[in-house]
Amino acid sequence: MNTLKALNWRYAVKKFQIDKKVSQEKLDVVAKAFNLTPTSYGLQPLRLAVVCNPALKEKLYEKSMHQEQVRTASHILVICIENNVDTAFIEDNFELQKEIRQTADETLAPFRNFLLEFFDNKTKEEKDIWAINQAYLALGNLLTVCAKEGVDACPMEGFLPEAYDELLGLKEKSLKSILVMPIGYRAEEDKFAAFEKVRRPLEETVLYYK
């Protein structure tokens, strides 16, 4: 599908075909797209949990206000933020830059020093807000990529993060769940698939300055 056709085709699926699974090939595309999502300062304070275990999906369904798309999805994508955006986290990013780009220390030093000071002056709450903003960038990117791949999805905030964190063992990995996106293929009985999109007129939402 071309981009506009794909975006018109997609909607927030309410029920998936429980027996139709997303292929590993398409999952790989989604995972790589997540990893290629642009983030502030290129720091990638995000991780993606991909859940396909039926018993675990059922437990997550219980902690998602019993929303049917969680139980029926092929896979549940959980976008998480790093709990510790600290000196070590930032230094690791610059070491990766040196390894991949062969960039000299003296070239990286000014930006590295700026980021170390910048985040050192941030509270934990401020760092979390910054990281959460990056999670929403990833969510938007994944919604578009899934649509282009012909995979249905539903972006969700309606879940209990602490329960997800416990069920997925995220605290032990220094992570916190922020957003959920079940993916799969829409069920024929999902009436929302036939609804027309409701959007404000383009001339109201896009401003041109010529």
Protein backbone atom coordinates (compact mmCIF):
# COMPACT_ATOMS: atom_id res chain seq x y z
CA MET A 1 0.00 0.00 0.00
CA ASN A 2 1.11 3.55 -0.62
CA THR A 3 1.36 5.71 2.48
CA LEU A 4 -1.97 7.58 2.28
CA LYS A 5 -3.89 4.44 1.35
CA ALA A 6 -2.32 2.65 4.31
CA LEU A 7 -3.17 5.47 6.71
CA ASN A 8 -6.77 5.54 5.49
CA TRP A 9 -6.96 1.75 5.84
CA ARG A 10 -5.75 1.65 9.45
CA TYR A 11 -7.93 2.22 12.49
CA ALA A 12 -7.75 1.39 16.18
CA VAL A 13 -8.79 -2.26 16.04
CA LYS A 14 -11.14 -3.38 18.80
CA LYS A 15 -11.02 -7.13 18.10
CA PHE A 16 -8.51 -9.27 16.22
CA GLN A 17 -8.76 -12.67 14.55
CA ILE A 18 -7.45 -14.76 17.42
CA ASP A 19 -6.11 -17.56 15.18
CA LYS A 20 -4.37 -15.38 12.59
CA LYS A 21 -0.78 -14.60 13.53
CA VAL A 22 1.65 -11.95 12.35
CA SER A 23 4.58 -13.63 10.58
CA GLN A 24 8.11 -13.48 11.95
CA GLU A 25 9.13 -11.62 8.81
CA LYS A 26 6.68 -8.80 9.54
CA LEU A 27 7.60 -8.83 13.23
CA ASP A 28 11.21 -8.31 12.22
CA VAL A 29 10.20 -5.27 10.16
CA VAL A 30 8.30 -3.83 13.14
CA ALA A 31 11.21 -4.47 15.50
CA LYS A 32 13.71 -2.84 13.14
CA ALA A 33 11.37 0.12 12.63
CA PHE A 34 11.17 0.54 16.40
CA ASN A 35 14.95 0.53 16.63
CA LEU A 36 15.19 3.11 13.81
CA THR A 37 12.75 5.52 15.46
CA PRO A 38 14.42 8.93 15.93
CA THR A 39 14.83 9.99 19.56
CA SER A 40 15.99 13.15 21.27
CA TYR A 41 19.81 13.41 21.21
CA GLY A 42 19.83 9.94 19.63
CA LEU A 43 19.92 8.38 23.10
CA GLN A 44 17.16 5.76 22.60
CA PRO A 45 15.81 5.61 26.17
CA LEU A 46 13.34 2.95 25.00
CA ARG A 47 12.91 -0.81 24.86
CA LEU A 48 10.19 -2.88 23.21
CA ALA A 49 8.64 -5.96 24.82
CA VAL A 50 6.92 -8.33 22.36
CA VAL A 51 4.44 -10.72 23.97
CA CYS A 52 3.00 -13.72 22.13
CA ASN A 53 2.60 -16.26 24.97
CA PRO A 54 -1.16 -16.98 25.25
CA ALA A 55 -1.18 -17.41 29.03
CA LEU A 56 0.73 -14.17 29.51
CA LYS A 57 -1.57 -12.33 27.09
CA GLU A 58 -4.54 -13.50 29.16
CA LYS A 59 -2.95 -12.08 32.32
CA LEU A 60 -2.23 -8.78 30.58
CA TYR A 61 -5.85 -8.71 29.37
CA GLU A 62 -6.94 -8.79 33.01
CA LYS A 63 -4.73 -5.75 33.67
CA SER A 64 -5.96 -3.84 30.60
CA MET A 65 -9.54 -3.11 31.64
CA HIS A 66 -10.54 -6.36 29.87
CA GLN A 67 -10.11 -4.77 26.46
CA GLU A 68 -10.72 -7.48 23.90
CA GLN A 69 -7.89 -6.48 21.58
CA VAL A 70 -5.31 -7.49 24.20
CA ARG A 71 -6.71 -11.00 24.52
CA THR A 72 -7.24 -11.56 20.77
CA ALA A 73 -4.08 -9.93 19.37
CA SER A 74 -1.41 -11.94 17.63
CA HIS A 75 1.24 -10.07 19.63
CA ILE A 76 1.23 -7.33 22.24
CA LEU A 77 3.88 -4.65 21.87
CA VAL A 78 4.78 -2.86 25.09
CA ILE A 79 6.85 0.30 24.72
CA CYS A 80 9.02 0.85 27.80
CA ILE A 81 11.33 3.59 29.02
CA GLU A 82 14.67 3.19 30.75
CA ASN A 83 14.50 3.91 34.48
CA ASN A 84 18.09 5.06 34.70
CA VAL A 85 19.15 7.69 32.19
CA ASP A 86 22.37 8.39 34.06
CA THR A 87 26.05 9.00 33.33
CA ALA A 88 26.69 5.34 32.51
CA PHE A 89 23.73 5.25 30.07
CA ILE A 90 24.98 8.35 28.23
CA GLU A 91 28.58 7.15 28.18
CA ASP A 92 27.46 3.83 26.68
CA ASN A 93 25.81 5.73 23.83
CA PHE A 94 29.02 7.58 23.02
CA GLU A 95 31.04 4.37 23.18
CA LEU A 96 28.62 2.93 20.61
CA GLN A 97 29.13 5.98 18.40
CA LYS A 98 32.89 5.51 18.60
CA GLU A 99 32.56 1.83 17.70
CA ILE A 100 30.22 2.33 14.75
CA ARG A 101 31.46 5.62 13.32
CA GLN A 102 35.07 5.51 14.46
CA THR A 103 34.63 9.05 15.77
CA ALA A 104 37.52 10.50 17.74
CA ASP A 105 37.10 11.33 21.43
CA GLU A 106 37.97 14.98 20.89
CA THR A 107 35.16 15.27 18.31
CA LEU A 108 32.59 13.74 20.64
CA ALA A 109 33.73 15.51 23.80
CA PRO A 110 31.76 18.79 23.50
CA PHE A 111 28.40 17.09 22.88
CA ARG A 112 29.10 14.35 25.43
CA ASN A 113 29.97 16.91 28.12
CA PHE A 114 26.86 18.92 27.29
CA LEU A 115 24.59 15.87 27.66
CA LEU A 116 26.25 14.71 30.87
CA GLU A 117 25.72 18.12 32.46
CA PHE A 118 22.24 18.53 30.97
CA PHE A 119 20.90 15.24 32.38
CA ASP A 120 22.80 15.60 35.65
CA ASN A 121 20.72 18.74 36.29
CA LYS A 122 17.43 16.95 35.58
CA THR A 123 15.25 15.37 38.27
CA LYS A 124 14.10 11.77 37.90
CA GLU A 125 10.62 13.05 37.04
CA GLU A 126 11.99 15.35 34.33
CA LYS A 127 14.00 12.52 32.82
CA ASP A 128 10.93 10.27 32.81
CA ILE A 129 8.83 12.93 31.07
CA TRP A 130 11.56 13.34 28.45
CA ALA A 131 11.73 9.57 27.90
CA ILE A 132 7.94 9.24 27.72
CA ASN A 133 7.90 11.80 24.91
CA GLN A 134 10.25 9.52 22.99
CA ALA A 135 7.87 6.58 23.58
CA TYR A 136 5.12 8.46 21.77
CA LEU A 137 7.46 9.07 18.82
CA ALA A 138 8.01 5.30 18.64
CA LEU A 139 4.27 4.61 18.88
CA GLY A 140 3.49 6.90 15.94
CA ASN A 141 6.26 5.36 13.88
CA LEU A 142 5.07 1.81 14.61
CA LEU A 143 1.46 2.63 13.74
CA THR A 144 2.53 3.88 10.31
CA VAL A 145 4.89 0.97 9.68
CA CYS A 146 2.24 -1.58 10.66
CA ALA A 147 -0.25 0.06 8.31
CA LYS A 148 2.26 -0.04 5.44
CA GLU A 149 2.84 -3.74 6.18
CA GLY A 150 -0.90 -4.50 6.24
CA VAL A 151 -0.80 -5.33 9.94
CA ASP A 152 -3.58 -4.03 12.16
CA ALA A 153 -2.85 -2.29 15.44
CA CYS A 154 -4.42 -0.46 18.34
CA PRO A 155 -2.55 2.18 20.38
CA MET A 156 -3.47 1.96 24.07
CA GLU A 157 -2.92 3.85 27.30
CA GLY A 158 -5.69 2.02 29.17
CA PHE A 159 -3.73 -0.51 31.21
CA LEU A 160 -2.16 -0.85 34.66
CA PRO A 161 1.56 -0.12 34.16
CA GLU A 162 2.67 -1.48 37.54
CA ALA A 163 0.88 -4.77 36.86
CA TYR A 164 2.48 -5.00 33.41
CA ASP A 165 5.88 -4.25 34.94
CA GLU A 166 5.43 -7.09 37.41
CA LEU A 167 4.11 -9.62 34.91
CA LEU A 168 6.89 -8.89 32.41
CA GLY A 169 9.66 -8.57 35.00
CA LEU A 170 10.45 -5.07 33.79
CA LYS A 171 11.68 -3.62 37.10
CA GLU A 172 14.50 -6.16 37.16
CA LYS A 173 15.51 -4.86 33.72
CA SER A 174 15.32 -1.25 34.94
CA LEU A 175 12.35 -0.56 32.64
CA LYS A 176 8.87 0.93 32.99
CA SER A 177 5.92 0.20 30.68
CA ILE A 178 4.43 3.31 29.07
CA LEU A 179 2.32 2.34 26.05
CA VAL A 180 0.71 -0.81 24.71
CA MET A 181 0.03 -1.69 21.09
CA PRO A 182 -1.66 -5.01 20.29
CA ILE A 183 -1.13 -6.07 16.67
CA GLY A 184 -2.69 -8.70 14.43
CA TYR A 185 -5.47 -8.86 11.86
CA ARG A 186 -8.93 -7.34 12.31
CA ALA A 187 -11.84 -9.65 13.05
CA GLU A 188 -14.67 -9.67 10.53
CA GLU A 189 -17.18 -8.84 13.26
CA ASP A 190 -15.28 -5.70 14.34
CA LYS A 191 -17.80 -3.10 13.21
CA PHE A 192 -15.31 -0.27 13.67
CA ALA A 193 -13.48 -1.39 10.52
CA ALA A 194 -16.31 -0.03 8.36
CA PHE A 195 -16.58 3.35 10.04
CA GLU A 196 -15.60 6.44 8.05
CA LYS A 197 -12.68 8.36 9.49
CA VAL A 198 -13.64 11.54 11.32
CA ARG A 199 -11.03 14.22 10.72
CA ARG A 200 -11.16 17.99 10.64
CA PRO A 201 -10.88 19.47 7.12
CA LEU A 202 -7.30 19.63 5.90
CA GLU A 203 -7.51 23.41 5.38
CA GLU A 204 -8.22 23.77 9.12
CA THR A 205 -5.39 21.59 10.38
CA VAL A 206 -2.51 22.52 8.05
CA LEU A 207 -1.22 26.08 7.89
CA TYR A 208 0.85 27.16 4.88
CA TYR A 209 3.14 30.18 5.01
CA LYS A 210 4.23 31.19 1.51
